[in-house]
């Protein structure tokens, strides 16, 4: 029987959009030059060429999950002023408990790795009763940048997972908007 694994302090429910790399790994343009919608080297989606578009389409497919987490905001909605405009500097750390991840089948049984990955998105924070506390903005989007197991509980069972979410701009707006 495993030892005591600890618990989260003042948990909230957080909604994450987990990037489904398996679903987008297929051929996105069928007979076109692409063989996958996901670039394993850069760990991001590739743009799929579209008719009459220089930008292309994004093959992103996500799975929404809600799980308990300890929320540790570092800087929310902060901006760094730069000569070329403002740069977002928002960051929030979420601490998840491996027992919750295991209960929700978010740990790979073969490897022991959590199903939360770099580039997964933070969508919203709710109270444990389901009341919305904060919806994350569409841009800059809060994406997971660091995923680190923090420790192991008494008796040798792994307990905490740190996920650091930082702001990333999806599109550039001109004219000082």
N, C-alpha and C. Protein backbone atom coordinates (compact mmCIF):
# COMPACT_ATOMS: atom_id res chain seq x y z
N UNK A 1 0.85 -1.18 0.00
CA UNK A 1 0.00 0.00 0.00
C UNK A 1 0.89 1.24 0.00
N UNK A 2 0.68 2.16 -0.97
CA UNK A 2 1.53 3.35 -1.02
C UNK A 2 1.32 4.24 0.19
N UNK A 3 2.37 4.99 0.52
CA UNK A 3 2.31 5.91 1.63
C UNK A 3 1.49 7.15 1.31
N UNK A 4 1.43 8.04 2.25
CA UNK A 4 0.67 9.28 2.09
C UNK A 4 1.29 10.11 0.97
N UNK A 5 0.48 10.59 0.04
CA UNK A 5 0.97 11.33 -1.12
C UNK A 5 0.73 12.82 -1.00
N UNK A 6 0.18 13.29 0.09
CA UNK A 6 -0.07 14.72 0.25
C UNK A 6 -1.33 15.14 -0.47
N UNK A 7 -1.54 16.47 -0.55
CA UNK A 7 -2.75 17.00 -1.20
C UNK A 7 -2.45 18.39 -1.72
N UNK A 8 -3.33 18.89 -2.57
CA UNK A 8 -3.21 20.26 -3.06
C UNK A 8 -3.69 21.22 -2.00
N UNK A 9 -3.14 22.42 -1.98
CA UNK A 9 -3.54 23.46 -1.03
C UNK A 9 -4.49 24.42 -1.76
N UNK A 10 -5.68 24.62 -1.24
CA UNK A 10 -6.69 25.51 -1.80
C UNK A 10 -6.86 25.28 -3.31
N UNK A 11 -7.29 24.08 -3.72
CA UNK A 11 -7.39 23.77 -5.15
C UNK A 11 -8.54 24.50 -5.85
N UNK A 12 -8.38 24.69 -7.14
CA UNK A 12 -9.40 25.18 -8.05
C UNK A 12 -9.53 24.12 -9.15
N UNK A 13 -10.62 24.16 -9.89
CA UNK A 13 -10.73 23.33 -11.08
C UNK A 13 -10.23 24.16 -12.26
N UNK A 14 -9.34 23.61 -13.05
CA UNK A 14 -8.84 24.33 -14.22
C UNK A 14 -9.21 23.54 -15.47
N UNK A 15 -9.55 24.29 -16.52
CA UNK A 15 -9.87 23.67 -17.79
C UNK A 15 -8.66 23.83 -18.70
N UNK A 16 -8.22 22.70 -19.24
CA UNK A 16 -7.09 22.68 -20.16
C UNK A 16 -7.56 22.16 -21.51
N UNK A 17 -6.94 22.65 -22.58
CA UNK A 17 -7.14 22.12 -23.92
C UNK A 17 -5.87 21.36 -24.27
N UNK A 18 -5.96 20.02 -24.20
CA UNK A 18 -4.81 19.17 -24.47
C UNK A 18 -4.69 18.97 -25.97
N UNK A 19 -3.53 19.27 -26.51
CA UNK A 19 -3.27 19.14 -27.93
C UNK A 19 -3.27 17.66 -28.31
N UNK A 20 -4.09 17.29 -29.27
CA UNK A 20 -4.20 15.90 -29.69
C UNK A 20 -3.26 15.67 -30.88
N UNK A 21 -1.99 15.40 -30.59
CA UNK A 21 -0.99 15.25 -31.64
C UNK A 21 -1.23 13.99 -32.47
N UNK A 22 -1.87 12.98 -31.91
CA UNK A 22 -2.16 11.76 -32.67
C UNK A 22 -3.19 12.07 -33.76
N UNK A 23 -4.22 12.84 -33.42
CA UNK A 23 -5.27 13.15 -34.40
C UNK A 23 -4.76 14.03 -35.53
N UNK A 24 -3.81 14.93 -35.23
CA UNK A 24 -3.33 15.83 -36.29
C UNK A 24 -2.09 15.29 -36.99
N UNK A 25 -1.62 14.10 -36.58
CA UNK A 25 -0.43 13.53 -37.20
C UNK A 25 -0.69 12.96 -38.58
N UNK A 26 -1.98 12.74 -38.92
CA UNK A 26 -2.31 12.20 -40.24
C UNK A 26 -2.04 13.20 -41.35
N UNK A 27 -2.19 12.75 -42.57
CA UNK A 27 -1.94 13.57 -43.75
C UNK A 27 -3.01 14.66 -43.85
N UNK A 28 -2.67 15.94 -43.61
CA UNK A 28 -3.68 17.00 -43.58
C UNK A 28 -4.10 17.50 -44.96
N UNK A 29 -3.26 17.31 -45.97
CA UNK A 29 -3.60 17.82 -47.30
C UNK A 29 -3.75 16.69 -48.31
N UNK A 30 -4.04 15.50 -47.81
CA UNK A 30 -4.28 14.30 -48.60
C UNK A 30 -3.18 14.05 -49.63
N UNK A 31 -3.34 14.42 -50.87
CA UNK A 31 -2.33 14.11 -51.88
C UNK A 31 -1.28 15.19 -52.02
N UNK A 32 -1.30 16.19 -51.13
CA UNK A 32 -0.34 17.29 -51.20
C UNK A 32 1.02 16.90 -50.64
N UNK A 33 1.91 17.88 -50.51
CA UNK A 33 3.29 17.59 -50.08
C UNK A 33 3.43 17.24 -48.59
N UNK A 34 2.45 17.61 -47.77
CA UNK A 34 2.56 17.33 -46.33
C UNK A 34 2.20 15.88 -46.03
N UNK A 35 2.90 15.29 -45.10
CA UNK A 35 2.58 13.93 -44.66
C UNK A 35 2.00 13.92 -43.26
N UNK A 36 2.13 15.03 -42.53
CA UNK A 36 1.60 15.13 -41.17
C UNK A 36 1.23 16.57 -40.87
N UNK A 37 0.22 16.76 -40.02
CA UNK A 37 -0.17 18.09 -39.59
C UNK A 37 0.61 18.56 -38.38
N UNK A 38 1.54 17.74 -37.90
CA UNK A 38 2.31 18.06 -36.69
C UNK A 38 3.80 17.94 -37.01
N UNK A 39 4.55 18.96 -36.65
CA UNK A 39 5.99 18.96 -36.87
C UNK A 39 6.67 18.46 -35.59
N UNK A 40 7.24 17.23 -35.61
CA UNK A 40 7.83 16.67 -34.39
C UNK A 40 9.11 17.40 -33.94
N UNK A 41 9.79 18.06 -34.88
CA UNK A 41 11.01 18.77 -34.51
C UNK A 41 10.71 20.04 -33.73
N UNK A 42 9.75 20.82 -34.23
CA UNK A 42 9.39 22.08 -33.58
C UNK A 42 8.25 21.91 -32.58
N UNK A 43 7.66 20.71 -32.52
CA UNK A 43 6.57 20.38 -31.62
C UNK A 43 5.42 21.38 -31.74
N UNK A 44 4.98 21.60 -32.98
CA UNK A 44 3.86 22.50 -33.25
C UNK A 44 3.16 22.05 -34.52
N UNK A 45 1.95 22.61 -34.74
CA UNK A 45 1.20 22.29 -35.93
C UNK A 45 1.81 23.01 -37.13
N UNK A 46 1.70 22.37 -38.28
CA UNK A 46 2.12 23.01 -39.52
C UNK A 46 0.90 23.67 -40.13
N UNK A 47 1.10 24.72 -40.91
CA UNK A 47 0.00 25.35 -41.62
C UNK A 47 -0.28 24.55 -42.88
N UNK A 48 -1.55 24.23 -43.08
CA UNK A 48 -1.96 23.48 -44.25
C UNK A 48 -2.31 24.47 -45.35
N UNK A 49 -1.67 24.34 -46.54
CA UNK A 49 -1.98 25.28 -47.62
C UNK A 49 -3.47 25.27 -47.94
N UNK A 50 -4.02 26.47 -48.20
CA UNK A 50 -5.44 26.61 -48.54
C UNK A 50 -5.56 27.41 -49.82
N UNK A 51 -6.58 27.11 -50.59
CA UNK A 51 -6.83 27.82 -51.84
C UNK A 51 -7.11 29.29 -51.55
N UNK A 52 -6.49 30.17 -52.31
CA UNK A 52 -6.68 31.63 -52.18
C UNK A 52 -6.30 32.16 -50.80
N UNK A 53 -5.31 31.55 -50.16
CA UNK A 53 -4.86 32.02 -48.85
C UNK A 53 -3.35 31.91 -48.77
N UNK A 54 -2.71 32.97 -48.30
CA UNK A 54 -1.27 32.92 -48.09
C UNK A 54 -0.92 32.40 -46.71
N UNK A 55 -1.92 32.37 -45.83
CA UNK A 55 -1.68 31.95 -44.45
C UNK A 55 -1.88 30.45 -44.28
N UNK A 56 -2.91 29.89 -44.90
CA UNK A 56 -3.22 28.48 -44.72
C UNK A 56 -4.13 28.25 -43.53
N UNK A 57 -4.43 27.00 -43.25
CA UNK A 57 -5.30 26.67 -42.14
C UNK A 57 -4.52 25.91 -41.08
N UNK A 58 -5.01 25.97 -39.87
CA UNK A 58 -4.38 25.33 -38.72
C UNK A 58 -5.10 24.02 -38.42
N UNK A 59 -4.42 22.87 -38.44
CA UNK A 59 -5.08 21.58 -38.20
C UNK A 59 -5.25 21.23 -36.73
N UNK A 60 -5.13 22.20 -35.83
CA UNK A 60 -5.18 21.93 -34.39
C UNK A 60 -6.44 21.18 -33.99
N UNK A 61 -6.25 20.12 -33.21
CA UNK A 61 -7.35 19.40 -32.59
C UNK A 61 -7.01 19.25 -31.11
N UNK A 62 -7.96 19.63 -30.26
CA UNK A 62 -7.72 19.62 -28.81
C UNK A 62 -8.81 18.83 -28.10
N UNK A 63 -8.46 18.34 -26.92
CA UNK A 63 -9.41 17.67 -26.03
C UNK A 63 -9.50 18.49 -24.76
N UNK A 64 -10.71 18.91 -24.37
CA UNK A 64 -10.89 19.70 -23.15
C UNK A 64 -11.00 18.78 -21.94
N UNK A 65 -10.26 19.12 -20.88
CA UNK A 65 -10.33 18.39 -19.61
C UNK A 65 -10.41 19.40 -18.47
N UNK A 66 -11.06 18.99 -17.40
CA UNK A 66 -11.14 19.81 -16.18
C UNK A 66 -10.55 18.98 -15.05
N UNK A 67 -9.58 19.57 -14.32
CA UNK A 67 -8.97 18.84 -13.22
C UNK A 67 -8.53 19.80 -12.12
N UNK A 68 -8.45 19.29 -10.89
CA UNK A 68 -8.05 20.13 -9.77
C UNK A 68 -6.59 20.53 -9.86
N UNK A 69 -6.32 21.76 -9.44
CA UNK A 69 -4.95 22.27 -9.46
C UNK A 69 -4.80 23.35 -8.40
N UNK A 70 -3.59 23.48 -7.94
CA UNK A 70 -3.21 24.58 -7.06
C UNK A 70 -2.72 25.70 -7.98
N UNK A 71 -3.33 26.87 -7.91
CA UNK A 71 -3.01 27.98 -8.82
C UNK A 71 -2.03 28.92 -8.14
N UNK A 72 -0.91 29.19 -8.83
CA UNK A 72 0.10 30.09 -8.30
C UNK A 72 0.44 31.13 -9.37
N UNK A 73 -0.35 32.22 -9.42
CA UNK A 73 -0.09 33.22 -10.46
C UNK A 73 1.24 33.92 -10.24
N UNK A 74 1.98 34.08 -11.31
CA UNK A 74 3.25 34.79 -11.26
C UNK A 74 3.02 36.22 -11.73
N UNK A 75 2.51 36.37 -12.93
CA UNK A 75 2.18 37.69 -13.48
C UNK A 75 1.02 37.49 -14.44
N UNK A 76 -0.12 38.09 -14.16
CA UNK A 76 -1.27 37.95 -15.03
C UNK A 76 -1.49 39.25 -15.78
N UNK A 77 -1.67 39.16 -17.09
CA UNK A 77 -1.96 40.30 -17.95
C UNK A 77 -0.91 41.40 -17.85
N UNK A 78 0.34 41.01 -17.67
CA UNK A 78 1.43 41.98 -17.63
C UNK A 78 1.95 42.21 -19.04
N UNK A 79 2.47 43.40 -19.29
CA UNK A 79 3.04 43.74 -20.58
C UNK A 79 4.43 44.31 -20.40
N UNK A 80 5.32 43.96 -21.32
CA UNK A 80 6.62 44.61 -21.40
C UNK A 80 6.56 45.57 -22.57
N UNK A 81 6.88 46.82 -22.35
CA UNK A 81 6.91 47.78 -23.44
C UNK A 81 8.22 47.65 -24.21
N UNK A 82 8.08 47.58 -25.54
CA UNK A 82 9.25 47.45 -26.39
C UNK A 82 9.14 48.49 -27.50
N UNK A 83 10.22 48.75 -28.19
CA UNK A 83 10.22 49.73 -29.27
C UNK A 83 9.23 49.35 -30.37
N UNK A 84 9.04 48.05 -30.57
CA UNK A 84 8.14 47.59 -31.63
C UNK A 84 6.71 47.37 -31.14
N UNK A 85 6.43 47.66 -29.87
CA UNK A 85 5.09 47.48 -29.31
C UNK A 85 5.15 46.76 -27.98
N UNK A 86 3.99 46.33 -27.52
CA UNK A 86 3.92 45.64 -26.24
C UNK A 86 4.10 44.14 -26.42
N UNK A 87 4.76 43.52 -25.46
CA UNK A 87 4.97 42.08 -25.47
C UNK A 87 4.36 41.51 -24.18
N UNK A 88 3.48 40.51 -24.31
CA UNK A 88 2.86 39.95 -23.10
C UNK A 88 3.88 39.24 -22.22
N UNK A 89 3.67 39.36 -20.93
CA UNK A 89 4.58 38.74 -19.97
C UNK A 89 3.77 38.02 -18.89
N UNK A 90 2.64 37.44 -19.27
CA UNK A 90 1.80 36.74 -18.31
C UNK A 90 2.35 35.34 -18.06
N UNK A 91 2.26 34.90 -16.82
CA UNK A 91 2.68 33.55 -16.47
C UNK A 91 1.89 33.08 -15.26
N UNK A 92 1.53 31.84 -15.26
CA UNK A 92 0.85 31.25 -14.12
C UNK A 92 1.34 29.81 -13.99
N UNK A 93 1.57 29.40 -12.76
CA UNK A 93 2.03 28.04 -12.47
C UNK A 93 0.86 27.27 -11.90
N UNK A 94 0.65 26.07 -12.43
CA UNK A 94 -0.38 25.17 -11.90
C UNK A 94 0.33 23.96 -11.31
N UNK A 95 -0.10 23.58 -10.13
CA UNK A 95 0.42 22.38 -9.48
C UNK A 95 -0.70 21.34 -9.50
N UNK A 96 -0.46 20.22 -10.18
CA UNK A 96 -1.43 19.14 -10.25
C UNK A 96 -0.96 17.99 -9.37
N UNK A 97 -1.89 17.19 -8.89
CA UNK A 97 -1.54 16.03 -8.10
C UNK A 97 -1.65 14.79 -8.98
N UNK A 98 -0.61 13.96 -8.95
CA UNK A 98 -0.61 12.77 -9.79
C UNK A 98 -1.78 11.84 -9.49
N UNK A 99 -2.28 11.84 -8.27
CA UNK A 99 -3.43 10.97 -7.97
C UNK A 99 -4.66 11.42 -8.76
N UNK A 100 -4.83 12.74 -8.97
CA UNK A 100 -5.93 13.25 -9.80
C UNK A 100 -5.71 12.89 -11.26
N UNK A 101 -4.47 13.05 -11.75
CA UNK A 101 -4.16 12.70 -13.13
C UNK A 101 -4.40 11.20 -13.37
N UNK A 102 -3.99 10.37 -12.43
CA UNK A 102 -4.20 8.92 -12.55
C UNK A 102 -5.69 8.59 -12.55
N UNK A 103 -6.44 9.23 -11.66
CA UNK A 103 -7.89 8.98 -11.56
C UNK A 103 -8.60 9.35 -12.85
N UNK A 104 -8.14 10.40 -13.53
CA UNK A 104 -8.76 10.87 -14.77
C UNK A 104 -8.10 10.25 -16.02
N UNK A 105 -7.27 9.22 -15.82
CA UNK A 105 -6.59 8.51 -16.90
C UNK A 105 -5.74 9.45 -17.76
N UNK A 106 -5.01 10.36 -17.09
CA UNK A 106 -4.14 11.31 -17.77
C UNK A 106 -2.66 11.01 -17.51
N UNK A 107 -2.35 9.75 -17.26
CA UNK A 107 -0.97 9.30 -17.13
C UNK A 107 -0.82 8.07 -18.01
N UNK A 108 0.15 8.08 -18.90
CA UNK A 108 0.39 6.97 -19.81
C UNK A 108 0.86 5.76 -19.01
N UNK A 109 0.12 4.67 -19.10
CA UNK A 109 0.43 3.47 -18.31
C UNK A 109 1.77 2.86 -18.71
N UNK A 110 2.14 2.95 -19.98
CA UNK A 110 3.38 2.33 -20.45
C UNK A 110 4.61 3.12 -20.04
N UNK A 111 4.53 4.47 -20.05
CA UNK A 111 5.71 5.29 -19.78
C UNK A 111 5.67 6.00 -18.44
N UNK A 112 4.47 6.16 -17.85
CA UNK A 112 4.34 6.90 -16.60
C UNK A 112 4.34 8.41 -16.80
N UNK A 113 4.35 8.86 -18.06
CA UNK A 113 4.39 10.30 -18.34
C UNK A 113 2.98 10.87 -18.32
N UNK A 114 2.83 12.10 -17.79
CA UNK A 114 1.51 12.74 -17.78
C UNK A 114 1.06 13.09 -19.20
N UNK A 115 -0.26 13.19 -19.38
CA UNK A 115 -0.83 13.54 -20.69
C UNK A 115 -0.85 15.04 -20.94
N UNK A 116 -0.35 15.82 -20.01
CA UNK A 116 -0.21 17.27 -20.21
C UNK A 116 1.15 17.50 -20.84
N UNK A 117 1.17 18.23 -21.97
CA UNK A 117 2.40 18.44 -22.72
C UNK A 117 2.65 19.92 -22.99
N UNK A 118 3.87 20.20 -23.42
CA UNK A 118 4.20 21.56 -23.87
C UNK A 118 3.24 21.92 -25.00
N UNK A 119 2.78 23.16 -25.00
CA UNK A 119 1.83 23.74 -25.96
C UNK A 119 0.38 23.42 -25.66
N UNK A 120 0.07 22.66 -24.60
CA UNK A 120 -1.32 22.54 -24.18
C UNK A 120 -1.76 23.89 -23.63
N UNK A 121 -3.05 24.19 -23.76
CA UNK A 121 -3.56 25.52 -23.47
C UNK A 121 -4.33 25.57 -22.16
N UNK A 122 -4.13 26.65 -21.38
CA UNK A 122 -4.93 26.94 -20.21
C UNK A 122 -6.15 27.72 -20.68
N UNK A 123 -7.36 27.19 -20.43
CA UNK A 123 -8.59 27.80 -20.94
C UNK A 123 -9.27 28.65 -19.88
N UNK A 124 -9.47 28.09 -18.68
CA UNK A 124 -10.22 28.82 -17.64
C UNK A 124 -9.90 28.24 -16.27
N UNK A 125 -10.23 29.04 -15.24
CA UNK A 125 -10.09 28.63 -13.84
C UNK A 125 -11.47 28.73 -13.21
N UNK A 126 -11.89 27.69 -12.49
CA UNK A 126 -13.19 27.63 -11.84
C UNK A 126 -12.99 27.31 -10.36
N UNK A 127 -13.98 27.67 -9.54
CA UNK A 127 -13.98 27.20 -8.15
C UNK A 127 -14.26 25.70 -8.19
N UNK A 128 -14.09 25.03 -7.08
CA UNK A 128 -14.38 23.60 -7.02
C UNK A 128 -15.87 23.33 -7.19
N UNK A 129 -16.71 24.38 -7.02
CA UNK A 129 -18.15 24.26 -7.23
C UNK A 129 -18.55 24.57 -8.67
N UNK A 130 -17.59 24.89 -9.53
CA UNK A 130 -17.88 25.13 -10.94
C UNK A 130 -18.17 26.57 -11.31
N UNK A 131 -17.95 27.52 -10.41
CA UNK A 131 -18.17 28.93 -10.71
C UNK A 131 -16.92 29.49 -11.40
N UNK A 132 -17.13 30.15 -12.54
CA UNK A 132 -16.01 30.71 -13.29
C UNK A 132 -15.28 31.77 -12.48
N UNK A 133 -13.98 31.62 -12.35
CA UNK A 133 -13.13 32.61 -11.68
C UNK A 133 -12.47 33.50 -12.72
N UNK A 134 -11.90 32.87 -13.76
CA UNK A 134 -11.24 33.64 -14.81
C UNK A 134 -11.17 32.84 -16.09
N UNK A 135 -11.62 33.46 -17.18
CA UNK A 135 -11.47 32.91 -18.53
C UNK A 135 -10.17 33.46 -19.08
N UNK A 136 -9.36 32.62 -19.68
CA UNK A 136 -8.10 33.09 -20.25
C UNK A 136 -8.39 33.75 -21.61
N UNK A 137 -7.63 34.79 -21.96
CA UNK A 137 -7.89 35.49 -23.22
C UNK A 137 -7.53 34.62 -24.44
N UNK A 138 -8.16 34.94 -25.57
CA UNK A 138 -7.86 34.24 -26.82
C UNK A 138 -6.46 34.60 -27.31
N UNK A 139 -6.02 35.83 -27.03
CA UNK A 139 -4.67 36.24 -27.39
C UNK A 139 -4.24 37.32 -26.41
N UNK A 140 -3.13 37.20 -25.75
CA UNK A 140 -2.18 36.09 -25.88
C UNK A 140 -2.72 34.84 -25.21
N UNK A 141 -2.50 33.72 -25.84
CA UNK A 141 -2.95 32.44 -25.32
C UNK A 141 -1.94 31.95 -24.28
N UNK A 142 -2.44 31.32 -23.23
CA UNK A 142 -1.58 30.78 -22.17
C UNK A 142 -1.27 29.32 -22.51
N UNK A 143 0.00 29.04 -22.85
CA UNK A 143 0.41 27.69 -23.23
C UNK A 143 1.42 27.13 -22.25
N UNK A 144 1.36 25.82 -22.05
CA UNK A 144 2.31 25.14 -21.18
C UNK A 144 3.70 25.22 -21.78
N UNK A 145 4.66 25.68 -20.99
CA UNK A 145 6.04 25.81 -21.44
C UNK A 145 6.99 24.91 -20.65
N UNK A 146 6.58 24.51 -19.47
CA UNK A 146 7.43 23.66 -18.61
C UNK A 146 6.54 22.67 -17.89
N UNK A 147 6.95 21.42 -17.88
CA UNK A 147 6.21 20.37 -17.19
C UNK A 147 7.23 19.57 -16.39
N UNK A 148 7.13 19.65 -15.07
CA UNK A 148 8.15 19.05 -14.22
C UNK A 148 7.53 18.31 -13.04
N UNK A 149 7.79 17.01 -12.89
CA UNK A 149 7.39 16.33 -11.65
C UNK A 149 8.17 16.95 -10.49
N UNK A 150 7.45 17.30 -9.42
CA UNK A 150 8.10 18.01 -8.31
C UNK A 150 8.62 17.10 -7.21
N UNK A 151 7.95 16.04 -6.98
CA UNK A 151 8.44 15.24 -5.88
C UNK A 151 7.73 13.92 -5.77
N UNK A 152 8.16 13.19 -4.80
CA UNK A 152 7.63 11.87 -4.56
C UNK A 152 7.17 11.82 -3.12
N UNK A 153 5.98 11.28 -2.91
CA UNK A 153 5.41 11.23 -1.58
C UNK A 153 6.07 10.19 -0.70
N UNK A 154 5.70 10.21 0.54
CA UNK A 154 6.22 9.20 1.45
C UNK A 154 5.81 7.82 0.95
N UNK A 155 6.71 6.88 1.01
CA UNK A 155 6.41 5.55 0.52
C UNK A 155 6.78 5.36 -0.94
N UNK A 156 7.36 6.38 -1.58
CA UNK A 156 7.85 6.24 -2.94
C UNK A 156 6.86 6.52 -4.05
N UNK A 157 5.65 7.01 -3.75
CA UNK A 157 4.68 7.33 -4.80
C UNK A 157 4.87 8.78 -5.25
N UNK A 158 4.87 8.98 -6.56
CA UNK A 158 5.01 10.33 -7.11
C UNK A 158 3.78 11.14 -6.74
N UNK A 159 3.96 12.45 -6.45
CA UNK A 159 2.78 13.20 -6.04
C UNK A 159 2.48 14.46 -6.85
N UNK A 160 3.39 15.36 -7.08
CA UNK A 160 3.04 16.65 -7.68
C UNK A 160 3.65 16.85 -9.07
N UNK A 161 2.92 17.60 -9.90
CA UNK A 161 3.38 17.96 -11.24
C UNK A 161 3.23 19.46 -11.41
N UNK A 162 4.32 20.14 -11.71
CA UNK A 162 4.32 21.58 -11.95
C UNK A 162 4.18 21.82 -13.45
N UNK A 163 3.23 22.68 -13.82
CA UNK A 163 3.07 23.08 -15.22
C UNK A 163 3.09 24.60 -15.25
N UNK A 164 4.06 25.16 -15.97
CA UNK A 164 4.22 26.61 -16.09
C UNK A 164 3.59 27.06 -17.40
N UNK A 165 2.56 27.91 -17.32
CA UNK A 165 1.89 28.44 -18.50
C UNK A 165 2.37 29.87 -18.72
N UNK A 166 2.75 30.20 -19.96
CA UNK A 166 3.17 31.56 -20.29
C UNK A 166 2.39 32.05 -21.51
N UNK A 167 2.32 33.37 -21.65
CA UNK A 167 1.57 34.00 -22.72
C UNK A 167 2.31 33.89 -24.04
N UNK A 168 1.55 33.58 -25.10
CA UNK A 168 2.09 33.54 -26.45
C UNK A 168 1.11 34.25 -27.37
N UNK A 169 1.61 35.17 -28.17
CA UNK A 169 0.75 35.89 -29.10
C UNK A 169 0.47 35.00 -30.30
N UNK A 170 -0.82 34.89 -30.67
CA UNK A 170 -1.19 34.09 -31.83
C UNK A 170 -1.20 34.90 -33.10
N UNK A 171 -1.59 36.15 -33.00
CA UNK A 171 -1.64 36.98 -34.20
C UNK A 171 -1.12 38.37 -33.84
N UNK A 172 -0.62 39.07 -34.83
CA UNK A 172 -0.06 40.39 -34.62
C UNK A 172 -1.07 41.42 -35.12
N UNK A 173 -1.37 42.40 -34.28
CA UNK A 173 -2.25 43.50 -34.66
C UNK A 173 -1.42 44.74 -34.86
N UNK A 174 -1.75 45.47 -35.86
CA UNK A 174 -1.01 46.72 -36.12
C UNK A 174 -1.77 47.93 -35.63
N UNK A 175 -1.16 49.07 -35.77
CA UNK A 175 -1.84 50.34 -35.47
C UNK A 175 -2.04 50.63 -34.02
N UNK A 176 -1.28 49.99 -33.12
CA UNK A 176 -1.39 50.30 -31.69
C UNK A 176 -2.67 49.87 -31.04
N UNK A 177 -3.34 48.87 -31.59
CA UNK A 177 -4.61 48.41 -31.01
C UNK A 177 -4.38 47.57 -29.79
